[in-house]
Protein backbone atom coordinates (compact mmCIF):
# COMPACT_ATOMS: atom_id res chain seq x y z
CA MET A 1 9.07 -198.92 160.23
CA LEU A 2 11.58 -198.24 157.71
CA ALA A 3 10.68 -194.51 155.49
CA LEU A 4 12.98 -195.46 152.43
CA ASP A 5 13.80 -193.33 149.59
CA LEU A 6 13.63 -195.91 146.44
CA ASP A 7 16.31 -194.12 144.82
CA GLU A 8 18.49 -194.33 148.13
CA ILE A 9 18.32 -197.71 149.06
CA ASP A 10 21.48 -199.21 147.57
CA GLU A 11 23.12 -196.37 149.44
CA ALA A 12 21.58 -197.05 152.93
CA ALA A 13 22.46 -200.67 152.64
CA ARG A 14 25.90 -199.60 151.84
CA ARG A 15 26.33 -197.31 154.36
CA VAL A 16 24.04 -199.61 157.41
CA ARG A 17 25.31 -202.24 158.53
CA GLY A 18 22.99 -205.56 159.29
CA PHE A 19 20.84 -203.87 156.28
CA ALA A 20 20.73 -205.38 152.81
CA ARG A 21 19.02 -205.30 149.46
CA ASN A 22 18.24 -208.71 147.70
CA ARG A 23 20.07 -210.52 150.19
CA ARG A 24 20.93 -212.51 153.16
CA ALA A 25 21.06 -210.25 156.18
CA ILE A 26 19.34 -209.30 159.71
CA TYR A 27 17.31 -206.78 157.61
CA GLU A 28 16.61 -206.84 154.03
CA PHE A 29 14.85 -205.32 151.74
CA ARG A 30 13.62 -207.61 148.46
CA ASP A 31 12.38 -205.61 145.69
CA ARG A 32 9.62 -208.94 144.95
CA ASP A 33 8.31 -208.39 149.18
CA HIS A 34 6.18 -205.53 147.35
CA LEU A 35 4.28 -204.65 144.39
CA THR A 36 5.10 -207.09 141.65
CA LEU A 37 3.31 -206.94 137.96
CA PRO A 38 3.24 -210.15 136.44
CA GLU A 39 4.15 -208.32 132.79
CA LEU A 40 7.18 -207.19 134.50
CA GLY A 41 7.70 -210.67 136.43
CA GLU A 42 11.38 -211.06 138.42
CA SER A 43 12.37 -207.82 136.78
CA GLY A 44 12.81 -204.92 137.05
CA SER A 45 13.14 -202.68 140.81
CA VAL A 46 10.27 -202.01 143.15
CA ARG A 47 10.07 -198.41 141.69
CA GLU A 48 9.24 -199.62 137.80
CA HIS A 49 6.91 -201.82 138.92
CA VAL A 50 4.78 -199.25 141.05
CA THR A 51 5.78 -196.28 138.39
CA ALA A 52 4.19 -198.49 135.78
CA TRP A 53 1.28 -199.62 137.76
CA ILE A 54 0.01 -195.80 138.69
CA ALA A 55 0.68 -195.53 135.03
CA LYS A 56 -1.99 -198.24 133.89
CA HIS A 57 -4.25 -195.70 136.14
CA GLY A 58 -3.46 -193.03 134.11
CA ILE A 59 -1.40 -190.90 136.05
CA HIS A 60 2.51 -190.85 135.06
CA ILE A 61 5.49 -190.08 137.25
CA PRO A 62 8.54 -188.64 136.09
CA THR A 63 11.93 -190.27 136.33
CA SER A 64 13.05 -187.51 138.96
CA ALA A 65 10.11 -187.54 140.88
CA ARG A 66 10.96 -189.08 144.57
CA ILE A 67 8.76 -192.26 145.56
CA THR A 68 9.16 -192.77 149.21
CA LEU A 69 8.48 -196.23 150.81
CA VAL A 70 7.28 -196.91 154.54
CA THR A 71 7.21 -200.86 154.98
CA LEU A 72 8.60 -202.99 157.45
CA PRO A 73 11.65 -205.16 156.01
CA ARG A 74 12.52 -208.64 156.43
CA VAL A 75 13.76 -209.76 159.94
CA LEU A 76 16.50 -212.38 160.05
CA GLY A 77 14.12 -213.44 156.62
CA TYR A 78 11.06 -213.50 157.41
CA ILE A 79 8.49 -210.64 156.54
CA PHE A 80 5.03 -209.83 157.06
CA ASN A 81 3.68 -206.72 156.14
CA PRO A 82 -0.05 -205.66 156.71
CA VAL A 83 0.49 -202.50 155.18
CA SER A 84 2.96 -200.12 153.30
CA PHE A 85 2.77 -196.70 151.74
CA TYR A 86 4.05 -195.07 148.73
CA PHE A 87 4.63 -191.15 148.79
CA CYS A 88 5.32 -189.74 145.19
CA GLU A 89 6.56 -186.14 144.91
CA ASP A 90 7.77 -184.28 141.81
CA ALA A 91 11.15 -182.64 141.94
CA GLU A 92 10.19 -179.56 143.74
CA GLY A 93 8.87 -181.83 146.08
CA SER A 94 5.08 -181.31 145.67
CA PRO A 95 3.29 -184.30 146.40
CA LEU A 96 1.55 -186.39 143.17
CA CYS A 97 -0.21 -189.68 144.81
CA ALA A 98 0.32 -191.72 147.11
CA VAL A 99 -0.44 -195.81 147.19
CA VAL A 100 -1.36 -198.13 149.85
CA GLN A 101 -0.44 -201.58 149.38
CA VAL A 102 -2.27 -203.39 151.90
CA GLY A 103 -1.49 -207.35 153.27
CA ASN A 104 -3.26 -210.06 154.53
CA THR A 105 -2.06 -213.80 155.87
CA PHE A 106 -2.53 -215.26 152.88
CA ARG A 107 0.45 -213.36 151.62
CA GLU A 108 -2.06 -211.87 149.16
CA MET A 109 -1.81 -208.07 148.37
CA LYS A 110 -3.70 -205.09 147.26
CA PRO A 111 -2.62 -201.47 146.21
CA TYR A 112 -4.45 -198.79 146.55
CA LEU A 113 -4.55 -195.41 144.48
CA LEU A 114 -4.69 -191.99 146.08
CA PRO A 115 -5.09 -190.08 142.86
CA HIS A 116 -3.95 -186.81 144.29
CA PRO A 117 -3.72 -184.43 147.08
CA GLU A 118 -6.53 -182.45 148.94
CA GLN A 119 -7.49 -179.86 147.34
CA ASP A 120 -7.43 -177.74 150.58
CA HIS A 121 -4.10 -179.51 152.10
CA PRO A 122 -1.82 -180.85 149.82
CA GLU A 123 -0.18 -182.60 152.31
CA ARG A 124 -2.84 -184.54 152.96
CA PHE A 125 -4.15 -187.66 151.20
CA ARG A 126 -7.84 -188.84 151.46
CA LEU A 127 -9.64 -191.46 150.05
CA VAL A 128 -12.74 -193.71 150.68
CA THR A 129 -12.88 -197.25 148.29
CA PRO A 130 -14.49 -200.27 148.28
CA LYS A 131 -12.50 -203.01 150.35
CA HIS A 132 -12.76 -206.19 148.18
CA PHE A 133 -10.04 -207.33 149.77
CA TYR A 134 -10.30 -210.14 152.55
CA VAL A 135 -8.11 -208.81 155.51
CA SER A 136 -9.56 -210.72 158.36
CA PRO A 137 -12.17 -213.00 158.99
CA PHE A 138 -13.99 -210.54 161.29
CA SER A 139 -14.38 -207.57 158.45
CA ALA A 140 -17.18 -207.92 155.49
CA LEU A 141 -15.86 -207.36 152.02
CA ASP A 142 -18.41 -204.93 151.28
CA LEU A 143 -16.80 -202.26 153.78
CA CYS A 144 -14.89 -199.45 152.58
CA PHE A 145 -11.78 -198.17 153.47
CA ASP A 146 -11.31 -194.66 154.38
CA PHE A 147 -7.54 -193.32 154.41
CA LYS A 148 -6.11 -190.50 155.32
CA LEU A 149 -2.51 -190.32 154.96
CA LYS A 150 -0.49 -187.18 155.52
CA VAL A 151 2.85 -186.59 153.13
CA PRO A 152 5.44 -187.86 156.27
CA ASN A 153 8.05 -185.50 157.12
CA ASP A 154 9.42 -185.47 160.78
CA ARG A 155 5.67 -186.98 161.91
CA LEU A 156 4.33 -189.69 160.22
CA GLU A 157 0.35 -189.57 160.75
CA ILE A 158 -1.95 -192.12 158.92
CA HIS A 159 -5.33 -193.30 159.69
CA ILE A 160 -7.32 -196.27 157.76
CA ASP A 161 -10.86 -196.78 159.03
CA GLU A 162 -13.58 -199.37 158.02
CA LYS A 163 -16.68 -197.76 157.12
CA ALA A 164 -20.21 -199.07 156.24
CA GLY A 165 -21.67 -196.04 155.00
CA ASP A 166 -21.05 -193.24 157.00
CA ARG A 167 -21.15 -195.58 160.36
CA ARG A 168 -17.33 -196.15 161.24
CA ILE A 169 -16.68 -200.02 161.96
CA LEU A 170 -12.78 -200.04 162.71
CA VAL A 171 -10.79 -197.24 163.49
CA SER A 172 -7.26 -197.39 163.22
CA ALA A 173 -4.16 -195.10 163.24
CA LEU A 174 -0.34 -195.75 162.92
CA THR A 175 1.91 -192.55 163.64
CA GLY A 176 5.71 -191.23 164.82
CA HIS A 177 8.80 -189.53 164.27
CA ARG A 178 11.22 -189.60 162.28
CA VAL A 179 15.04 -191.10 163.63
CA PRO A 180 18.02 -190.98 161.04
CA LEU A 181 18.72 -194.40 159.87
CA THR A 182 21.92 -195.67 161.40
CA THR A 183 23.96 -198.67 162.14
CA ALA A 184 23.33 -197.69 166.12
CA ARG A 185 19.88 -196.99 165.97
CA LEU A 186 19.06 -200.18 163.93
CA ALA A 187 21.02 -202.02 166.71
CA TRP A 188 19.04 -200.17 169.10
CA LEU A 189 15.77 -200.74 167.57
CA THR A 190 17.01 -204.84 167.55
CA VAL A 191 16.79 -204.70 170.96
CA LYS A 192 13.70 -202.47 171.74
CA TYR A 193 11.80 -204.18 168.74
CA PRO A 194 12.76 -207.97 168.53
CA LEU A 195 11.68 -209.83 165.51
CA ILE A 196 9.12 -207.22 165.06
CA THR A 197 7.41 -208.89 161.93
CA VAL A 198 7.15 -212.51 163.84
CA LYS A 199 5.54 -210.51 166.87
CA VAL A 200 3.47 -208.53 164.06
CA ILE A 201 2.09 -212.13 162.83
CA LEU A 202 1.91 -213.41 166.05
CA LEU A 203 -0.18 -210.54 167.64
CA ILE A 204 -2.97 -211.00 164.97
CA HIS A 205 -3.65 -214.04 165.50
CA TRP A 206 -3.79 -213.50 169.18
CA HIS A 207 -6.36 -211.11 168.77
CA ALA A 208 -8.28 -213.48 166.31
CA LEU A 209 -8.46 -215.99 168.67
CA LEU A 210 -9.80 -213.81 171.57
CA LEU A 211 -12.19 -212.29 168.66
CA TRP A 212 -13.26 -215.90 167.74
CA ALA A 213 -13.49 -216.77 171.72
CA ARG A 214 -16.09 -214.12 172.19
CA ARG A 215 -18.42 -215.82 169.47
CA LEU A 216 -17.90 -212.82 167.30
CA PRO A 217 -19.07 -213.91 163.72
CA TRP A 218 -16.53 -214.66 160.96
CA ARG A 219 -16.33 -215.50 156.98
CA HIS A 220 -14.54 -218.22 155.74
CA LYS A 221 -11.26 -217.01 152.88
CA THR A 222 -13.51 -218.61 150.01
CA ALA A 223 -16.87 -217.11 151.08
CA ASP A 224 -17.95 -213.95 148.27
CA VAL A 225 -14.98 -214.77 145.81
CA GLU A 226 -16.57 -212.80 143.06
CA MET A 227 -15.62 -209.82 145.64
CA GLN A 228 -12.15 -210.13 146.35
CA ARG A 229 -11.17 -208.58 143.07
CA ASP A 230 -7.82 -207.27 142.22
CA VAL A 231 -5.32 -208.93 144.14
CA PHE A 232 -1.46 -209.55 143.65
CA ASN A 233 -0.38 -212.79 144.04
CA PRO A 234 -4.06 -214.83 144.81
CA HIS A 235 -4.19 -217.58 147.11
CA ALA A 236 -5.34 -220.76 145.76
CA SER A 237 -8.98 -220.47 146.78
CA ILE A 238 -9.43 -217.54 144.43
CA ALA A 239 -7.12 -217.88 141.91
CA PRO A 240 -8.50 -219.03 138.76
CA PRO A 241 -7.47 -222.51 137.72
CA ARG A 242 -4.34 -223.13 135.61
CA SER A 243 -5.24 -224.73 131.78
């Protein structure tokens, strides 16, 4: 995964061969692959869209703030991002808020706002919130996400669990250590993790097949449409009919 300062993506694209912004390359960052407000349309950068969305929730992000996006890029033109993370800090480096951008295999997207760090741990964010998003056919929509995010420095430490009341249904973690984004490093990662976005989507479907083979109960996308709320890029199965 890449950890990109949203104000330095163009500089990274100039410096790192094989990486580009909004144009063809082995690795591509495309603004429209991320949070896009309908009222802004295709115009504006991902920073403008995400700060506008956060402002809708009563939080003003100053222009001097730093926003780091932890995400997967397109690889040879193909993108699939199960989850991405925005970490917002003020000019002095103090955490302001975080956004978790969850995606599914229907190309839908739903952002969740973590409005402030924990009072006793200013480097950490925590939010327990209703999911109300179709992520997996084996996961009910009325569960809660339990997000636990640590502001990334040299280490990445993120936990996303699914809960039914106080009972944990699914436990997941994303951890790693930071290395510089250079041409040589990107070349090595291409060898070590070839076609990573294709691998992710294939493994998701492979694991789904294994769960189905074990006769685990599953839910159709068109079930509980009223519980699929605040979704970006809604699939035809839940999108309102066009007039």
